[in-house]
Amino acid sequence: MGLLDGLLGNASETDTHAIQLELSQLLAPGEEVCKSYIVIRDLLVFTTKRLLLIDKQGVTGKKREYLSVPYRSIERYSTETTGHFELDADLKIWVRGMAEPITKSFRGDKNIYDVSRTLSEYTL
């Protein structure tokens, strides 16, 4: 991923082996990282068992929030692409037990289709 893409909010696929090593303390025995995408500083990680949403916080990004969403808890999701004047694309995920959807914004349509396809692959 280019630095410019990251700063602009373009999602890009990351090295799953590196993410597997980084998350080794959080993953269950036998759980493997299948695909992962980075948006600015945040990560969307698809494992064999769940979706992990990692929100890097603070100036240095050392503080992180890990939201674990089992695939069976995802009720629905939507993908909103860009238009002529709207430059942001949105992915919304509704999780059982949460009133509001989880929303991730992407700058442009570049990889939102890949993320949406991966979400379909693991939830349908």
N, C-alpha and C. Protein backbone atom coordinates (compact mmCIF):
# COMPACT_ATOMS: atom_id res chain seq x y z
N MET A 1 0.85 -1.17 0.00
CA MET A 1 0.00 0.00 0.00
C MET A 1 0.89 1.23 0.00
N GLY A 2 0.55 2.18 -0.83
CA GLY A 2 1.29 3.42 -0.85
C GLY A 2 0.89 4.32 0.30
N LEU A 3 1.82 5.12 0.76
CA LEU A 3 1.53 6.05 1.84
C LEU A 3 0.41 7.00 1.46
N LEU A 4 0.40 7.45 0.21
CA LEU A 4 -0.64 8.36 -0.24
C LEU A 4 -2.01 7.71 -0.19
N ASP A 5 -2.12 6.43 -0.59
CA ASP A 5 -3.39 5.72 -0.50
C ASP A 5 -3.88 5.67 0.93
N GLY A 6 -3.00 5.38 1.86
CA GLY A 6 -3.38 5.30 3.26
C GLY A 6 -3.87 6.62 3.80
N LEU A 7 -3.19 7.69 3.45
CA LEU A 7 -3.59 9.01 3.92
C LEU A 7 -4.92 9.45 3.33
N LEU A 8 -5.20 9.01 2.12
CA LEU A 8 -6.45 9.38 1.46
C LEU A 8 -7.61 8.50 1.87
N GLY A 9 -7.36 7.43 2.61
CA GLY A 9 -8.43 6.57 3.07
C GLY A 9 -8.74 5.44 2.11
N ASN A 10 -7.88 5.21 1.14
CA ASN A 10 -8.09 4.09 0.22
C ASN A 10 -7.72 2.80 0.93
N ALA A 11 -8.61 1.82 0.85
CA ALA A 11 -8.33 0.53 1.47
C ALA A 11 -7.38 -0.25 0.58
N SER A 12 -6.52 -1.02 1.21
CA SER A 12 -5.67 -1.90 0.44
C SER A 12 -5.44 -3.17 1.23
N GLU A 13 -5.28 -4.26 0.52
CA GLU A 13 -5.06 -5.55 1.16
C GLU A 13 -3.65 -5.57 1.75
N THR A 14 -3.53 -6.19 2.91
CA THR A 14 -2.24 -6.25 3.60
C THR A 14 -1.72 -7.68 3.61
N ASP A 15 -0.50 -7.83 4.07
CA ASP A 15 0.15 -9.13 4.17
C ASP A 15 -0.47 -9.92 5.32
N THR A 16 -1.18 -11.00 4.99
CA THR A 16 -1.88 -11.77 6.02
C THR A 16 -0.92 -12.44 7.00
N HIS A 17 0.25 -12.83 6.53
CA HIS A 17 1.22 -13.48 7.42
C HIS A 17 1.69 -12.50 8.50
N ALA A 18 1.96 -11.26 8.11
CA ALA A 18 2.40 -10.25 9.08
C ALA A 18 1.28 -9.95 10.09
N ILE A 19 0.05 -9.88 9.63
CA ILE A 19 -1.09 -9.62 10.52
C ILE A 19 -1.29 -10.82 11.46
N GLN A 20 -1.12 -12.03 10.95
CA GLN A 20 -1.23 -13.24 11.78
C GLN A 20 -0.24 -13.17 12.94
N LEU A 21 0.99 -12.77 12.66
CA LEU A 21 2.00 -12.65 13.71
C LEU A 21 1.66 -11.53 14.69
N GLU A 22 1.19 -10.41 14.16
CA GLU A 22 0.86 -9.26 15.00
C GLU A 22 -0.30 -9.58 15.96
N LEU A 23 -1.25 -10.39 15.51
CA LEU A 23 -2.44 -10.69 16.31
C LEU A 23 -2.36 -12.03 17.03
N SER A 24 -1.20 -12.65 17.06
CA SER A 24 -1.07 -14.00 17.63
C SER A 24 -1.60 -14.10 19.06
N GLN A 25 -1.50 -13.04 19.85
CA GLN A 25 -1.99 -13.07 21.23
C GLN A 25 -3.51 -13.05 21.31
N LEU A 26 -4.17 -12.56 20.26
CA LEU A 26 -5.63 -12.43 20.27
C LEU A 26 -6.35 -13.59 19.61
N LEU A 27 -5.68 -14.30 18.74
CA LEU A 27 -6.33 -15.34 17.96
C LEU A 27 -6.51 -16.63 18.75
N ALA A 28 -7.65 -17.27 18.54
CA ALA A 28 -7.93 -18.55 19.20
C ALA A 28 -7.05 -19.64 18.58
N PRO A 29 -6.85 -20.73 19.29
CA PRO A 29 -6.07 -21.83 18.72
C PRO A 29 -6.71 -22.31 17.41
N GLY A 30 -5.90 -22.42 16.38
CA GLY A 30 -6.39 -22.85 15.08
C GLY A 30 -7.00 -21.75 14.23
N GLU A 31 -7.18 -20.57 14.79
CA GLU A 31 -7.76 -19.45 14.03
C GLU A 31 -6.67 -18.84 13.15
N GLU A 32 -7.00 -18.60 11.90
CA GLU A 32 -6.02 -18.05 10.97
C GLU A 32 -6.57 -16.80 10.29
N VAL A 33 -5.68 -15.87 10.00
CA VAL A 33 -6.04 -14.67 9.24
C VAL A 33 -6.13 -15.07 7.77
N CYS A 34 -7.28 -14.77 7.15
CA CYS A 34 -7.51 -15.12 5.75
C CYS A 34 -7.25 -13.93 4.83
N LYS A 35 -7.79 -12.78 5.21
CA LYS A 35 -7.59 -11.54 4.45
C LYS A 35 -7.62 -10.38 5.42
N SER A 36 -6.92 -9.32 5.07
CA SER A 36 -6.96 -8.12 5.89
C SER A 36 -6.79 -6.89 5.01
N TYR A 37 -7.44 -5.83 5.42
CA TYR A 37 -7.42 -4.57 4.68
C TYR A 37 -7.11 -3.44 5.65
N ILE A 38 -6.36 -2.47 5.17
CA ILE A 38 -6.04 -1.30 5.99
C ILE A 38 -6.72 -0.09 5.37
N VAL A 39 -7.35 0.71 6.24
CA VAL A 39 -7.97 1.97 5.83
C VAL A 39 -7.41 3.04 6.76
N ILE A 40 -6.62 3.93 6.22
CA ILE A 40 -5.88 4.93 6.98
C ILE A 40 -5.03 4.20 8.01
N ARG A 41 -5.44 4.15 9.28
CA ARG A 41 -4.68 3.42 10.29
C ARG A 41 -5.44 2.20 10.80
N ASP A 42 -6.70 2.09 10.47
CA ASP A 42 -7.54 1.01 10.97
C ASP A 42 -7.39 -0.24 10.11
N LEU A 43 -7.72 -1.38 10.70
CA LEU A 43 -7.64 -2.66 10.00
C LEU A 43 -8.97 -3.38 10.04
N LEU A 44 -9.32 -4.04 8.95
CA LEU A 44 -10.42 -4.99 8.89
C LEU A 44 -9.77 -6.33 8.63
N VAL A 45 -9.91 -7.25 9.57
CA VAL A 45 -9.23 -8.54 9.48
C VAL A 45 -10.28 -9.66 9.44
N PHE A 46 -10.25 -10.45 8.37
CA PHE A 46 -11.13 -11.59 8.22
C PHE A 46 -10.35 -12.84 8.62
N THR A 47 -10.81 -13.51 9.67
CA THR A 47 -10.17 -14.75 10.10
C THR A 47 -11.09 -15.92 9.74
N THR A 48 -10.66 -17.10 10.08
CA THR A 48 -11.49 -18.28 9.83
C THR A 48 -12.71 -18.32 10.73
N LYS A 49 -12.76 -17.49 11.79
CA LYS A 49 -13.85 -17.54 12.75
C LYS A 49 -14.63 -16.24 12.93
N ARG A 50 -14.01 -15.10 12.59
CA ARG A 50 -14.66 -13.81 12.91
C ARG A 50 -14.07 -12.68 12.08
N LEU A 51 -14.71 -11.53 12.21
CA LEU A 51 -14.22 -10.28 11.65
C LEU A 51 -13.66 -9.47 12.81
N LEU A 52 -12.43 -9.04 12.69
CA LEU A 52 -11.81 -8.18 13.69
C LEU A 52 -11.69 -6.78 13.11
N LEU A 53 -12.20 -5.80 13.83
CA LEU A 53 -12.08 -4.40 13.44
C LEU A 53 -11.12 -3.76 14.43
N ILE A 54 -10.01 -3.30 13.93
CA ILE A 54 -8.96 -2.76 14.80
C ILE A 54 -8.86 -1.26 14.57
N ASP A 55 -9.15 -0.52 15.63
CA ASP A 55 -9.14 0.95 15.59
C ASP A 55 -7.90 1.43 16.32
N LYS A 56 -6.94 1.95 15.57
CA LYS A 56 -5.73 2.49 16.18
C LYS A 56 -6.04 3.91 16.64
N GLN A 57 -5.72 4.20 17.90
CA GLN A 57 -6.07 5.48 18.50
C GLN A 57 -4.83 6.23 18.96
N GLY A 58 -5.02 7.51 19.17
CA GLY A 58 -3.93 8.34 19.66
C GLY A 58 -2.98 8.75 18.55
N VAL A 59 -2.05 9.60 18.91
CA VAL A 59 -1.10 10.13 17.95
C VAL A 59 -0.19 9.05 17.40
N THR A 60 0.28 8.16 18.25
CA THR A 60 1.22 7.13 17.81
C THR A 60 0.54 5.87 17.29
N GLY A 61 -0.72 5.68 17.62
CA GLY A 61 -1.42 4.48 17.18
C GLY A 61 -1.12 3.26 18.03
N LYS A 62 -0.43 3.46 19.16
CA LYS A 62 -0.12 2.32 20.03
C LYS A 62 -1.35 1.83 20.77
N LYS A 63 -2.25 2.75 21.12
CA LYS A 63 -3.48 2.36 21.78
C LYS A 63 -4.44 1.86 20.70
N ARG A 64 -5.04 0.69 20.96
CA ARG A 64 -5.90 0.08 19.96
C ARG A 64 -7.16 -0.48 20.59
N GLU A 65 -8.25 -0.41 19.85
CA GLU A 65 -9.49 -1.07 20.23
C GLU A 65 -9.70 -2.21 19.26
N TYR A 66 -9.95 -3.40 19.79
CA TYR A 66 -10.19 -4.59 18.98
C TYR A 66 -11.66 -4.97 19.14
N LEU A 67 -12.42 -4.88 18.07
CA LEU A 67 -13.82 -5.28 18.08
C LEU A 67 -13.93 -6.60 17.35
N SER A 68 -14.35 -7.62 18.06
CA SER A 68 -14.48 -8.96 17.51
C SER A 68 -15.94 -9.23 17.17
N VAL A 69 -16.21 -9.54 15.92
CA VAL A 69 -17.57 -9.80 15.47
C VAL A 69 -17.62 -11.19 14.84
N PRO A 70 -18.24 -12.16 15.54
CA PRO A 70 -18.40 -13.47 14.92
C PRO A 70 -19.27 -13.34 13.66
N TYR A 71 -18.93 -14.09 12.64
CA TYR A 71 -19.68 -13.99 11.38
C TYR A 71 -21.17 -14.27 11.58
N ARG A 72 -21.52 -15.17 12.49
CA ARG A 72 -22.92 -15.51 12.71
C ARG A 72 -23.72 -14.34 13.30
N SER A 73 -23.03 -13.33 13.86
CA SER A 73 -23.70 -12.17 14.46
C SER A 73 -23.97 -11.06 13.45
N ILE A 74 -23.41 -11.17 12.26
CA ILE A 74 -23.63 -10.15 11.24
C ILE A 74 -24.98 -10.42 10.58
N GLU A 75 -25.91 -9.50 10.78
CA GLU A 75 -27.27 -9.68 10.26
C GLU A 75 -27.40 -9.22 8.81
N ARG A 76 -26.77 -8.10 8.49
CA ARG A 76 -26.81 -7.58 7.13
C ARG A 76 -25.71 -6.55 6.97
N TYR A 77 -25.47 -6.17 5.74
CA TYR A 77 -24.47 -5.14 5.46
C TYR A 77 -24.83 -4.46 4.15
N SER A 78 -24.31 -3.27 3.99
CA SER A 78 -24.55 -2.53 2.76
C SER A 78 -23.27 -1.87 2.30
N THR A 79 -23.19 -1.69 0.99
CA THR A 79 -22.07 -1.01 0.37
C THR A 79 -22.62 0.17 -0.39
N GLU A 80 -22.15 1.35 -0.07
CA GLU A 80 -22.57 2.57 -0.77
C GLU A 80 -21.36 3.08 -1.55
N THR A 81 -21.49 3.10 -2.87
CA THR A 81 -20.36 3.51 -3.70
C THR A 81 -20.36 5.02 -3.89
N THR A 82 -19.33 5.50 -4.53
CA THR A 82 -19.20 6.94 -4.78
C THR A 82 -20.10 7.36 -5.93
N GLY A 83 -20.32 8.66 -6.00
CA GLY A 83 -21.08 9.25 -7.10
C GLY A 83 -20.26 10.34 -7.77
N HIS A 84 -20.93 11.17 -8.53
CA HIS A 84 -20.20 12.24 -9.22
C HIS A 84 -19.63 13.26 -8.25
N PHE A 85 -20.41 13.60 -7.22
CA PHE A 85 -19.95 14.63 -6.28
C PHE A 85 -19.61 14.05 -4.91
N GLU A 86 -20.03 12.84 -4.64
CA GLU A 86 -19.74 12.17 -3.37
C GLU A 86 -18.50 11.30 -3.57
N LEU A 87 -17.40 11.63 -2.90
CA LEU A 87 -16.14 10.94 -3.10
C LEU A 87 -15.92 9.79 -2.13
N ASP A 88 -16.74 9.69 -1.08
CA ASP A 88 -16.56 8.64 -0.09
C ASP A 88 -17.51 7.47 -0.35
N ALA A 89 -17.02 6.27 -0.17
CA ALA A 89 -17.83 5.06 -0.23
C ALA A 89 -17.93 4.54 1.19
N ASP A 90 -19.08 3.97 1.56
CA ASP A 90 -19.30 3.50 2.92
C ASP A 90 -19.67 2.03 2.95
N LEU A 91 -19.15 1.35 3.95
CA LEU A 91 -19.53 -0.01 4.24
C LEU A 91 -20.21 0.02 5.60
N LYS A 92 -21.44 -0.48 5.67
CA LYS A 92 -22.18 -0.52 6.93
C LYS A 92 -22.47 -1.97 7.26
N ILE A 93 -22.20 -2.33 8.52
CA ILE A 93 -22.40 -3.70 8.99
C ILE A 93 -23.30 -3.65 10.22
N TRP A 94 -24.45 -4.32 10.12
CA TRP A 94 -25.36 -4.41 11.25
C TRP A 94 -25.08 -5.70 12.00
N VAL A 95 -24.83 -5.55 13.31
CA VAL A 95 -24.49 -6.68 14.16
C VAL A 95 -25.62 -6.88 15.16
N ARG A 96 -26.00 -8.14 15.35
CA ARG A 96 -27.05 -8.47 16.31
C ARG A 96 -26.71 -7.89 17.68
N GLY A 97 -27.68 -7.22 18.28
CA GLY A 97 -27.49 -6.64 19.61
C GLY A 97 -27.00 -5.20 19.59
N MET A 98 -26.68 -4.67 18.42
CA MET A 98 -26.24 -3.28 18.30
C MET A 98 -27.31 -2.49 17.55
N ALA A 99 -27.70 -1.34 18.08
CA ALA A 99 -28.74 -0.54 17.45
C ALA A 99 -28.26 0.13 16.16
N GLU A 100 -27.05 0.61 16.18
CA GLU A 100 -26.49 1.32 15.02
C GLU A 100 -25.50 0.43 14.28
N PRO A 101 -25.39 0.60 12.96
CA PRO A 101 -24.42 -0.20 12.22
C PRO A 101 -22.99 0.29 12.46
N ILE A 102 -22.06 -0.61 12.25
CA ILE A 102 -20.64 -0.25 12.24
C ILE A 102 -20.39 0.33 10.85
N THR A 103 -19.82 1.51 10.77
CA THR A 103 -19.61 2.16 9.48
C THR A 103 -18.12 2.41 9.26
N LYS A 104 -17.67 2.03 8.09
CA LYS A 104 -16.30 2.31 7.66
C LYS A 104 -16.37 3.07 6.36
N SER A 105 -15.65 4.18 6.29
CA SER A 105 -15.63 5.00 5.08
C SER A 105 -14.36 4.78 4.30
N PHE A 106 -14.51 4.73 2.99
CA PHE A 106 -13.40 4.53 2.07
C PHE A 106 -13.37 5.72 1.13
N ARG A 107 -12.20 6.14 0.78
CA ARG A 107 -12.05 7.23 -0.19
C ARG A 107 -12.08 6.60 -1.56
N GLY A 108 -13.21 6.71 -2.23
CA GLY A 108 -13.36 6.13 -3.56
C GLY A 108 -13.78 4.67 -3.49
N ASP A 109 -14.02 4.12 -4.67
CA ASP A 109 -14.50 2.75 -4.79
C ASP A 109 -13.37 1.74 -4.91
N LYS A 110 -12.14 2.20 -4.87
CA LYS A 110 -10.99 1.37 -5.25
C LYS A 110 -11.06 -0.06 -4.70
N ASN A 111 -11.17 -0.26 -3.39
CA ASN A 111 -11.18 -1.61 -2.83
C ASN A 111 -12.41 -1.94 -2.02
N ILE A 112 -13.41 -1.07 -2.01
CA ILE A 112 -14.62 -1.39 -1.24
C ILE A 112 -15.31 -2.63 -1.82
N TYR A 113 -15.16 -2.83 -3.12
CA TYR A 113 -15.75 -4.03 -3.73
C TYR A 113 -15.05 -5.29 -3.24
N ASP A 114 -13.74 -5.25 -3.09
CA ASP A 114 -13.00 -6.41 -2.57
C ASP A 114 -13.40 -6.71 -1.13
N VAL A 115 -13.52 -5.67 -0.31
CA VAL A 115 -13.92 -5.85 1.09
C VAL A 115 -15.33 -6.41 1.15
N SER A 116 -16.24 -5.88 0.35
CA SER A 116 -17.63 -6.35 0.33
C SER A 116 -17.71 -7.80 -0.15
N ARG A 117 -16.94 -8.14 -1.15
CA ARG A 117 -16.91 -9.52 -1.66
C ARG A 117 -16.39 -10.48 -0.59
N THR A 118 -15.37 -10.07 0.12
CA THR A 118 -14.81 -10.90 1.21
C THR A 118 -15.83 -11.06 2.32
N LEU A 119 -16.53 -9.99 2.67
CA LEU A 119 -17.58 -10.06 3.69
C LEU A 119 -18.67 -11.03 3.25
N SER A 120 -19.04 -10.97 2.00
CA SER A 120 -20.04 -11.92 1.46
C SER A 120 -19.55 -13.35 1.56
N GLU A 121 -18.31 -13.55 1.24
CA GLU A 121 -17.72 -14.89 1.26
C GLU A 121 -17.81 -15.53 2.65
N TYR A 122 -17.61 -14.74 3.69
CA TYR A 122 -17.58 -15.29 5.04
C TYR A 122 -18.91 -15.26 5.77
N THR A 123 -19.86 -14.46 5.30
CA THR A 123 -21.12 -14.37 6.02
C THR A 123 -22.28 -15.09 5.35
N LEU A 124 -22.19 -15.34 4.07
CA LEU A 124 -23.32 -15.98 3.37
C LEU A 124 -23.17 -17.48 3.34
